[in-house]
Structures are given as C-alpha cells and as structure tokens.
Amino acid sequence: MTIVWAASDQLPEDVGKSGPFGLLLLVLGLIAVGFLVRSMTRHLKRVPVSFDPVEEEPGVDVPDTPEELLQERREPGADVLDTLRRAPRAIEPPREDGRGSGSAG
C-alpha cells in the first residue's frame, strides 16, 4: 500500500509552469492595452475643458454713463415693425368678400 500511496503524491511535470503560449498571450495583452491607452489619450485631448455653452454677449447690458440709463432702448426687430407700420398694406387683414390673395374665384 505504501508504494501506491507514494505514487499518488507525485505531480505531473508541467503543473505550475507557464508555457510559451501563456507568455505569448501575456505579451499580446500588454500590446493591446498599450494601443488602447494611446487611443484613449488621443480622444481625451479632443474633449473640451467645459461643456457650458459659450455666450457671445452678456445677458445684462450695463450702461457706461448715467446718461445711457435715461436713453430709450430699442428692442430687437423694432426697425422692422416701424417699417411695417408705415406700409399698412403689408399688414392688411384678410378680406371678407373672398378676393384675398391666393384664393381662386
């Protein structure tokens, strides 16, 4: 019985040793990680510092002198409204008799 018991305690020769295939997998994995790091570094360089919208002009217009406080400010598009008010046919309401533009009679 002791002879059988001694034979079962022995391990195969290749247990616990890595072969050349394991080394190849490790080297390929490290190369792949290197390419991934390089690619991620390129992409991170393209990311903007802040994703906040860039404002062209500030929302609050602060006057430089006290006289500017008293001046009347014109709203955007006020010139167009003044032009339309001077040409009443441009803003004429639709006609009731059916002779409006674009209607076939």
Foldseek 3Di string as FASTA:
>chain_A
DVVVVVVVPDDDPCPPPDDPVVVVVVVVVVVVVVVVVVVVVVVVVPDDPDPDDDDPDDPDDDDPDPVVVVDDDDDPPNVVVVVCVVVVVVVDDADPVQPGPPGDD
